[in-house]
Amino acid sequence: MNKITFNQTYEFDLSGTVSFGDLPTSLVNDMFKDGRVASKFLENHLPIWFPELEFVDQDGYDHISEDGVMYDLKGFTKGGANYAPSAMIGTGRKINVADMHSHANTINYVFSDITEFPKVRVVFKQGTDLVNQYPEGKIKYSEREALFG
């Protein structure tokens, strides 16, 4: 069990613990490198690693801490990461930078690096810091070590 500390990278090795029926482990691990697959599992697993979090799956955030702080989980994949609200991400959707900044200034974020699954890295970031460091909302893959390092 861990205590949330901002800007500290936590590393977890899920080797040998993830399976699905008769699928080969290598295939399951590759599938979990896709944020669409991994997100629901990680949302539910974060409170196990960080017991002060509760998974609430609300509009605009995924978790709330014991002290009422909201957190949104964002996956870091081979395409990098984006901290814009989910409603602004996807085909045909547009990011409104002012609204994204307004939202980010009220919550915090949890980034999960799944690029080397079954190794998972997790880092907590304050929304206000992200607005200053990544004003466009996008974090490139080349900035991965700066985010998690």
N, C-alpha and C. Protein backbone atom coordinates (compact mmCIF):
# COMPACT_ATOMS: atom_id res chain seq x y z
N MET A 1 0.84 -1.17 0.00
CA MET A 1 0.00 0.00 0.00
C MET A 1 0.89 1.24 0.00
N ASN A 2 0.43 2.25 -0.68
CA ASN A 2 1.21 3.47 -0.84
C ASN A 2 0.41 4.69 -0.41
N LYS A 3 1.10 5.74 -0.09
CA LYS A 3 0.50 7.03 0.23
C LYS A 3 0.77 7.95 -0.95
N ILE A 4 -0.24 8.73 -1.33
CA ILE A 4 -0.10 9.63 -2.47
C ILE A 4 0.91 10.73 -2.15
N THR A 5 1.91 10.82 -3.01
CA THR A 5 2.88 11.91 -2.99
C THR A 5 2.99 12.42 -4.41
N PHE A 6 2.76 13.69 -4.61
CA PHE A 6 2.83 14.27 -5.95
C PHE A 6 4.25 14.21 -6.48
N ASN A 7 4.35 13.97 -7.79
CA ASN A 7 5.60 13.96 -8.54
C ASN A 7 6.55 12.83 -8.13
N GLN A 8 6.05 11.85 -7.42
CA GLN A 8 6.83 10.65 -7.10
C GLN A 8 6.34 9.54 -8.01
N THR A 9 7.27 8.86 -8.66
CA THR A 9 6.89 7.76 -9.55
C THR A 9 6.86 6.46 -8.76
N TYR A 10 5.74 5.77 -8.86
CA TYR A 10 5.56 4.46 -8.23
C TYR A 10 5.64 3.42 -9.34
N GLU A 11 6.32 2.32 -9.06
CA GLU A 11 6.45 1.26 -10.06
C GLU A 11 5.83 -0.03 -9.54
N PHE A 12 5.07 -0.67 -10.42
CA PHE A 12 4.41 -1.92 -10.08
C PHE A 12 4.70 -2.93 -11.18
N ASP A 13 4.97 -4.16 -10.79
CA ASP A 13 5.22 -5.22 -11.75
C ASP A 13 4.10 -6.25 -11.63
N LEU A 14 3.28 -6.32 -12.66
CA LEU A 14 2.14 -7.24 -12.64
C LEU A 14 2.44 -8.56 -13.35
N SER A 15 3.71 -8.83 -13.57
CA SER A 15 4.10 -10.08 -14.23
C SER A 15 3.50 -11.27 -13.51
N GLY A 16 2.90 -12.17 -14.28
CA GLY A 16 2.34 -13.39 -13.72
C GLY A 16 1.02 -13.22 -13.00
N THR A 17 0.48 -12.02 -12.99
CA THR A 17 -0.78 -11.80 -12.25
C THR A 17 -1.96 -11.47 -13.15
N VAL A 18 -1.72 -11.27 -14.43
CA VAL A 18 -2.79 -10.87 -15.35
C VAL A 18 -3.00 -11.98 -16.38
N SER A 19 -4.25 -12.44 -16.48
CA SER A 19 -4.56 -13.48 -17.45
C SER A 19 -6.03 -13.37 -17.83
N PHE A 20 -6.36 -14.03 -18.93
CA PHE A 20 -7.76 -14.11 -19.34
C PHE A 20 -7.95 -15.43 -20.07
N GLY A 21 -8.64 -16.33 -19.40
CA GLY A 21 -8.92 -17.63 -20.00
C GLY A 21 -7.66 -18.30 -20.52
N ASP A 22 -7.73 -18.75 -21.77
CA ASP A 22 -6.62 -19.46 -22.38
C ASP A 22 -5.76 -18.58 -23.28
N LEU A 23 -5.96 -17.26 -23.24
CA LEU A 23 -5.14 -16.38 -24.06
C LEU A 23 -3.70 -16.43 -23.58
N PRO A 24 -2.75 -16.43 -24.52
CA PRO A 24 -1.34 -16.41 -24.12
C PRO A 24 -1.02 -15.13 -23.34
N THR A 25 -0.17 -15.26 -22.35
CA THR A 25 0.21 -14.13 -21.52
C THR A 25 0.76 -12.99 -22.36
N SER A 26 1.54 -13.30 -23.36
CA SER A 26 2.12 -12.24 -24.20
C SER A 26 1.04 -11.43 -24.90
N LEU A 27 -0.04 -12.08 -25.34
CA LEU A 27 -1.14 -11.39 -25.99
C LEU A 27 -1.88 -10.50 -24.99
N VAL A 28 -2.14 -11.02 -23.81
CA VAL A 28 -2.83 -10.24 -22.77
C VAL A 28 -1.99 -9.01 -22.42
N ASN A 29 -0.69 -9.19 -22.25
CA ASN A 29 0.19 -8.06 -21.93
C ASN A 29 0.16 -7.02 -23.04
N ASP A 30 0.18 -7.46 -24.29
CA ASP A 30 0.10 -6.51 -25.41
C ASP A 30 -1.24 -5.77 -25.41
N MET A 31 -2.31 -6.48 -25.09
CA MET A 31 -3.63 -5.84 -25.05
C MET A 31 -3.68 -4.76 -23.98
N PHE A 32 -3.00 -4.96 -22.85
CA PHE A 32 -3.01 -4.00 -21.76
C PHE A 32 -2.13 -2.78 -22.04
N LYS A 33 -1.42 -2.77 -23.14
CA LYS A 33 -0.67 -1.57 -23.55
C LYS A 33 -1.59 -0.58 -24.26
N ASP A 34 -2.82 -0.99 -24.51
CA ASP A 34 -3.85 -0.16 -25.12
C ASP A 34 -4.66 0.48 -24.00
N GLY A 35 -4.67 1.80 -23.95
CA GLY A 35 -5.35 2.52 -22.88
C GLY A 35 -6.83 2.20 -22.77
N ARG A 36 -7.46 1.88 -23.90
CA ARG A 36 -8.90 1.55 -23.86
C ARG A 36 -9.14 0.27 -23.08
N VAL A 37 -8.20 -0.66 -23.14
CA VAL A 37 -8.31 -1.91 -22.40
C VAL A 37 -7.91 -1.72 -20.94
N ALA A 38 -6.77 -1.08 -20.74
CA ALA A 38 -6.19 -0.99 -19.40
C ALA A 38 -6.95 -0.06 -18.46
N SER A 39 -7.60 0.97 -19.00
CA SER A 39 -8.16 2.01 -18.14
C SER A 39 -9.15 1.50 -17.10
N LYS A 40 -10.10 0.68 -17.50
CA LYS A 40 -11.11 0.20 -16.54
C LYS A 40 -10.48 -0.66 -15.43
N PHE A 41 -9.49 -1.44 -15.79
CA PHE A 41 -8.81 -2.26 -14.79
C PHE A 41 -8.02 -1.38 -13.83
N LEU A 42 -7.29 -0.41 -14.37
CA LEU A 42 -6.47 0.46 -13.51
C LEU A 42 -7.33 1.37 -12.64
N GLU A 43 -8.44 1.85 -13.17
CA GLU A 43 -9.34 2.68 -12.36
C GLU A 43 -9.77 1.93 -11.10
N ASN A 44 -10.06 0.67 -11.27
CA ASN A 44 -10.52 -0.15 -10.13
C ASN A 44 -9.37 -0.63 -9.26
N HIS A 45 -8.18 -0.71 -9.82
CA HIS A 45 -7.04 -1.21 -9.05
C HIS A 45 -6.32 -0.12 -8.27
N LEU A 46 -6.39 1.12 -8.70
CA LEU A 46 -5.69 2.21 -8.00
C LEU A 46 -6.01 2.26 -6.50
N PRO A 47 -7.27 2.09 -6.08
CA PRO A 47 -7.53 2.12 -4.64
C PRO A 47 -6.87 0.96 -3.87
N ILE A 48 -6.49 -0.08 -4.55
CA ILE A 48 -5.76 -1.16 -3.87
C ILE A 48 -4.33 -0.71 -3.62
N TRP A 49 -3.73 -0.08 -4.61
CA TRP A 49 -2.37 0.45 -4.44
C TRP A 49 -2.35 1.68 -3.55
N PHE A 50 -3.41 2.50 -3.62
CA PHE A 50 -3.50 3.75 -2.87
C PHE A 50 -4.84 3.80 -2.14
N PRO A 51 -4.90 3.21 -0.94
CA PRO A 51 -6.16 3.05 -0.21
C PRO A 51 -6.88 4.35 0.14
N GLU A 52 -6.19 5.48 0.08
CA GLU A 52 -6.88 6.74 0.38
C GLU A 52 -7.78 7.19 -0.78
N LEU A 53 -7.71 6.48 -1.91
CA LEU A 53 -8.55 6.79 -3.06
C LEU A 53 -9.78 5.89 -3.09
N GLU A 54 -10.87 6.47 -3.57
CA GLU A 54 -12.09 5.72 -3.83
C GLU A 54 -12.44 5.91 -5.31
N PHE A 55 -12.72 4.81 -6.00
CA PHE A 55 -13.14 4.90 -7.40
C PHE A 55 -14.60 5.30 -7.42
N VAL A 56 -14.89 6.44 -8.09
CA VAL A 56 -16.25 6.95 -8.10
C VAL A 56 -16.81 7.11 -9.52
N ASP A 57 -15.95 7.12 -10.53
CA ASP A 57 -16.37 7.19 -11.94
C ASP A 57 -17.39 8.28 -12.20
N GLN A 58 -17.04 9.51 -11.85
CA GLN A 58 -17.92 10.65 -12.05
C GLN A 58 -17.54 11.41 -13.31
N ASP A 59 -18.43 12.26 -13.77
CA ASP A 59 -18.17 13.08 -14.93
C ASP A 59 -17.02 14.05 -14.60
N GLY A 60 -15.90 13.90 -15.28
CA GLY A 60 -14.76 14.80 -15.07
C GLY A 60 -13.69 14.28 -14.14
N TYR A 61 -13.97 13.20 -13.42
CA TYR A 61 -12.93 12.61 -12.55
C TYR A 61 -13.30 11.17 -12.23
N ASP A 62 -12.28 10.40 -11.87
CA ASP A 62 -12.46 8.97 -11.63
C ASP A 62 -12.40 8.59 -10.15
N HIS A 63 -11.62 9.34 -9.38
CA HIS A 63 -11.38 8.99 -7.98
C HIS A 63 -11.53 10.22 -7.10
N ILE A 64 -11.79 9.95 -5.84
CA ILE A 64 -11.80 11.00 -4.83
C ILE A 64 -11.03 10.47 -3.63
N SER A 65 -10.24 11.34 -3.03
CA SER A 65 -9.47 10.92 -1.87
C SER A 65 -10.27 11.13 -0.59
N GLU A 66 -9.76 10.59 0.50
CA GLU A 66 -10.44 10.70 1.79
C GLU A 66 -10.67 12.14 2.19
N ASP A 67 -9.80 13.05 1.72
CA ASP A 67 -9.94 14.47 2.07
C ASP A 67 -10.72 15.26 1.02
N GLY A 68 -11.39 14.56 0.09
CA GLY A 68 -12.28 15.20 -0.86
C GLY A 68 -11.63 15.71 -2.14
N VAL A 69 -10.36 15.41 -2.36
CA VAL A 69 -9.67 15.85 -3.57
C VAL A 69 -10.02 14.91 -4.73
N MET A 70 -10.34 15.50 -5.88
CA MET A 70 -10.72 14.72 -7.06
C MET A 70 -9.49 14.44 -7.93
N TYR A 71 -9.47 13.23 -8.51
CA TYR A 71 -8.38 12.80 -9.38
C TYR A 71 -8.96 12.17 -10.64
N ASP A 72 -8.33 12.47 -11.76
CA ASP A 72 -8.71 11.85 -13.02
C ASP A 72 -7.55 11.01 -13.51
N LEU A 73 -7.80 9.73 -13.80
CA LEU A 73 -6.76 8.83 -14.29
C LEU A 73 -6.60 9.01 -15.79
N LYS A 74 -5.36 9.18 -16.22
CA LYS A 74 -5.03 9.31 -17.63
C LYS A 74 -3.95 8.30 -17.98
N GLY A 75 -4.17 7.57 -19.05
CA GLY A 75 -3.20 6.59 -19.49
C GLY A 75 -2.13 7.21 -20.35
N PHE A 76 -0.90 6.80 -20.12
CA PHE A 76 0.23 7.20 -20.96
C PHE A 76 0.57 5.99 -21.82
N THR A 77 0.40 6.14 -23.14
CA THR A 77 0.60 5.04 -24.08
C THR A 77 1.66 5.43 -25.10
N LYS A 78 1.81 4.62 -26.13
CA LYS A 78 2.79 4.91 -27.19
C LYS A 78 2.48 6.23 -27.89
N GLY A 79 1.26 6.74 -27.74
CA GLY A 79 0.87 8.03 -28.31
C GLY A 79 1.02 9.18 -27.34
N GLY A 80 1.56 8.92 -26.15
CA GLY A 80 1.69 9.95 -25.13
C GLY A 80 0.46 10.00 -24.26
N ALA A 81 0.11 11.18 -23.79
CA ALA A 81 -1.05 11.35 -22.91
C ALA A 81 -1.68 12.70 -23.18
N ASN A 82 -2.90 12.83 -22.70
CA ASN A 82 -3.65 14.06 -22.85
C ASN A 82 -4.48 14.23 -21.58
N TYR A 83 -4.40 15.39 -20.95
CA TYR A 83 -5.16 15.57 -19.72
C TYR A 83 -6.50 16.29 -19.92
N ALA A 84 -6.87 16.52 -21.16
CA ALA A 84 -8.18 17.13 -21.42
C ALA A 84 -9.28 16.19 -20.93
N PRO A 85 -10.42 16.75 -20.53
CA PRO A 85 -11.54 15.89 -20.12
C PRO A 85 -11.91 14.92 -21.24
N SER A 86 -12.31 13.73 -20.88
CA SER A 86 -12.63 12.68 -21.86
C SER A 86 -13.66 13.15 -22.88
N ALA A 87 -14.58 14.01 -22.47
CA ALA A 87 -15.61 14.50 -23.38
C ALA A 87 -15.03 15.34 -24.53
N MET A 88 -13.77 15.78 -24.38
CA MET A 88 -13.12 16.57 -25.42
C MET A 88 -12.17 15.74 -26.29
N ILE A 89 -12.00 14.47 -25.95
CA ILE A 89 -11.03 13.63 -26.65
C ILE A 89 -11.77 12.60 -27.50
N GLY A 90 -11.33 12.45 -28.72
CA GLY A 90 -11.91 11.43 -29.60
C GLY A 90 -12.30 12.02 -30.94
N THR A 91 -12.63 11.14 -31.86
CA THR A 91 -12.99 11.53 -33.21
C THR A 91 -14.15 12.51 -33.21
N GLY A 92 -13.98 13.62 -33.90
CA GLY A 92 -15.04 14.60 -34.04
C GLY A 92 -15.20 15.54 -32.86
N ARG A 93 -14.42 15.34 -31.82
CA ARG A 93 -14.51 16.21 -30.64
C ARG A 93 -13.40 17.24 -30.70
N LYS A 94 -13.63 18.36 -30.05
CA LYS A 94 -12.64 19.43 -30.04
C LYS A 94 -12.26 19.78 -28.61
N ILE A 95 -11.00 20.12 -28.46
CA ILE A 95 -10.52 20.55 -27.15
C ILE A 95 -10.69 22.06 -27.04
N ASN A 96 -11.41 22.47 -26.02
CA ASN A 96 -11.54 23.88 -25.70
C ASN A 96 -10.50 24.15 -24.61
N VAL A 97 -9.42 24.82 -24.99
CA VAL A 97 -8.28 24.99 -24.09
C VAL A 97 -8.69 25.74 -22.82
N ALA A 98 -9.51 26.77 -22.94
CA ALA A 98 -9.93 27.53 -21.76
C ALA A 98 -10.72 26.63 -20.79
N ASP A 99 -11.64 25.82 -21.32
CA ASP A 99 -12.42 24.91 -20.47
C ASP A 99 -11.53 23.83 -19.88
N MET A 100 -10.56 23.34 -20.68
CA MET A 100 -9.63 22.32 -20.19
C MET A 100 -8.82 22.88 -19.02
N HIS A 101 -8.31 24.10 -19.16
CA HIS A 101 -7.53 24.71 -18.08
C HIS A 101 -8.40 24.95 -16.85
N SER A 102 -9.62 25.41 -17.06
CA SER A 102 -10.52 25.65 -15.95
C SER A 102 -10.76 24.36 -15.16
N HIS A 103 -10.98 23.27 -15.88
CA HIS A 103 -11.20 21.97 -15.23
C HIS A 103 -9.93 21.51 -14.51
N ALA A 104 -8.80 21.62 -15.19
CA ALA A 104 -7.53 21.15 -14.62
C ALA A 104 -7.15 21.92 -13.36
N ASN A 105 -7.58 23.16 -13.27
CA ASN A 105 -7.26 23.96 -12.09
C ASN A 105 -8.09 23.57 -10.87
N THR A 106 -9.05 22.66 -11.04
CA THR A 106 -9.90 22.24 -9.92
C THR A 106 -9.66 20.80 -9.48
N ILE A 107 -8.86 20.05 -10.24
CA ILE A 107 -8.64 18.64 -9.89
C ILE A 107 -7.15 18.30 -10.04
N ASN A 108 -6.83 17.06 -9.69
CA ASN A 108 -5.49 16.53 -9.88
C ASN A 108 -5.58 15.30 -10.78
N TYR A 109 -4.43 14.82 -11.20
CA TYR A 109 -4.39 13.74 -12.18
C TYR A 109 -3.48 12.62 -11.71
N VAL A 110 -3.81 11.43 -12.20
CA VAL A 110 -2.98 10.25 -12.01
C VAL A 110 -2.65 9.76 -13.41
N PHE A 111 -1.37 9.67 -13.71
CA PHE A 111 -0.95 9.14 -15.01
C PHE A 111 -0.42 7.73 -14.80
N SER A 112 -0.87 6.82 -15.65
CA SER A 112 -0.39 5.44 -15.61
C SER A 112 0.35 5.15 -16.91
N ASP A 113 1.62 4.84 -16.78
CA ASP A 113 2.46 4.50 -17.93
C ASP A 113 2.34 3.00 -18.16
N ILE A 114 1.66 2.63 -19.26
CA ILE A 114 1.44 1.22 -19.56
C ILE A 114 2.24 0.77 -20.78
N THR A 115 3.19 1.59 -21.20
CA THR A 115 3.94 1.31 -22.42
C THR A 115 4.82 0.07 -22.31
N GLU A 116 5.14 -0.33 -21.08
CA GLU A 116 5.98 -1.52 -20.88
C GLU A 116 5.23 -2.58 -20.07
N PHE A 117 3.89 -2.59 -20.21
CA PHE A 117 3.09 -3.55 -19.46
C PHE A 117 3.67 -4.96 -19.64
N PRO A 118 3.83 -5.74 -18.56
CA PRO A 118 3.18 -5.70 -17.26
C PRO A 118 3.81 -4.76 -16.23
N LYS A 119 4.86 -4.03 -16.61
CA LYS A 119 5.37 -3.00 -15.72
C LYS A 119 4.47 -1.77 -15.88
N VAL A 120 4.01 -1.24 -14.76
CA VAL A 120 3.15 -0.06 -14.76
C VAL A 120 3.80 0.98 -13.84
N ARG A 121 3.90 2.20 -14.37
CA ARG A 121 4.38 3.30 -13.54
C ARG A 121 3.21 4.26 -13.32
N VAL A 122 3.14 4.82 -12.12
CA VAL A 122 2.06 5.73 -11.75
C VAL A 122 2.69 6.98 -11.14
N VAL A 123 2.16 8.14 -11.55
CA VAL A 123 2.60 9.39 -10.95
C VAL A 123 1.38 10.30 -10.77
N PHE A 124 1.34 11.00 -9.65
CA PHE A 124 0.27 11.95 -9.34
C PHE A 124 0.77 13.35 -9.66
N LYS A 125 -0.06 14.11 -10.37
CA LYS A 125 0.30 15.47 -10.78
C LYS A 125 -0.83 16.43 -10.41
N GLN A 126 -0.47 17.61 -9.98
CA GLN A 126 -1.46 18.63 -9.70
C GLN A 126 -1.90 19.26 -11.01
N GLY A 127 -3.20 19.45 -11.15
CA GLY A 127 -3.74 20.02 -12.37
C GLY A 127 -3.15 21.38 -12.70
N THR A 128 -2.94 22.21 -11.68
CA THR A 128 -2.38 23.54 -11.92
C THR A 128 -0.98 23.45 -12.52
N ASP A 129 -0.20 22.46 -12.09
CA ASP A 129 1.14 22.27 -12.65
C ASP A 129 1.07 21.85 -14.11
N LEU A 130 0.10 21.00 -14.45
CA LEU A 130 -0.03 20.55 -15.84
C LEU A 130 -0.39 21.70 -16.76
N VAL A 131 -1.27 22.59 -16.29
CA VAL A 131 -1.65 23.75 -17.10
C VAL A 131 -0.41 24.58 -17.44
N ASN A 132 0.49 24.73 -16.47
CA ASN A 132 1.71 25.51 -16.69
C ASN A 132 2.73 24.77 -17.55
N GLN A 133 2.90 23.48 -17.32
CA GLN A 133 3.91 22.70 -18.05
C GLN A 133 3.47 22.28 -19.44
N TYR A 134 2.20 21.95 -19.59
CA TYR A 134 1.66 21.43 -20.85
C TYR A 134 0.38 22.18 -21.19
N PRO A 135 0.49 23.46 -21.56
CA PRO A 135 -0.71 24.28 -21.75
C PRO A 135 -1.65 23.79 -22.86
N GLU A 136 -1.15 23.02 -23.81
CA GLU A 136 -2.01 22.50 -24.89
C GLU A 136 -2.72 21.21 -24.48
N GLY A 137 -2.36 20.67 -23.31
CA GLY A 137 -3.02 19.47 -22.80
C GLY A 137 -2.40 18.17 -23.25
N LYS A 138 -1.43 18.25 -24.14
CA LYS A 138 -0.82 17.03 -24.68
C LYS A 138 0.59 16.85 -24.13
N ILE A 139 0.89 15.61 -23.80
CA ILE A 139 2.22 15.24 -23.34
C ILE A 139 2.74 14.20 -24.32
N LYS A 140 3.78 14.55 -25.05
CA LYS A 140 4.32 13.68 -26.09
C LYS A 140 5.04 12.48 -25.49
N TYR A 141 5.11 11.42 -26.27
CA TYR A 141 5.84 10.23 -25.83
C TYR A 141 7.29 10.60 -25.48
N SER A 142 7.86 11.51 -26.24
CA SER A 142 9.25 11.92 -25.99
C SER A 142 9.40 12.64 -24.64
N GLU A 143 8.29 13.06 -24.02
CA GLU A 143 8.32 13.73 -22.73
C GLU A 143 7.99 12.76 -21.58
N ARG A 144 7.96 11.49 -21.90
CA ARG A 144 7.60 10.45 -20.93
C ARG A 144 8.49 10.48 -19.69
N GLU A 145 9.79 10.52 -19.87
CA GLU A 145 10.68 10.49 -18.71
C GLU A 145 10.61 11.77 -17.90
N ALA A 146 10.32 12.89 -18.57
CA ALA A 146 10.13 14.14 -17.83
C ALA A 146 8.90 14.05 -16.93
N LEU A 147 7.84 13.39 -17.43
CA LEU A 147 6.62 13.25 -16.65
C LEU A 147 6.79 12.25 -15.51
N PHE A 148 7.44 11.14 -15.80
CA PHE A 148 7.55 10.07 -14.80
C PHE A 148 8.89 10.04 -14.08
N GLY A 149 9.89 10.72 -14.65
CA GLY A 149 11.26 10.62 -14.14
C GLY A 149 11.54 11.22 -12.82
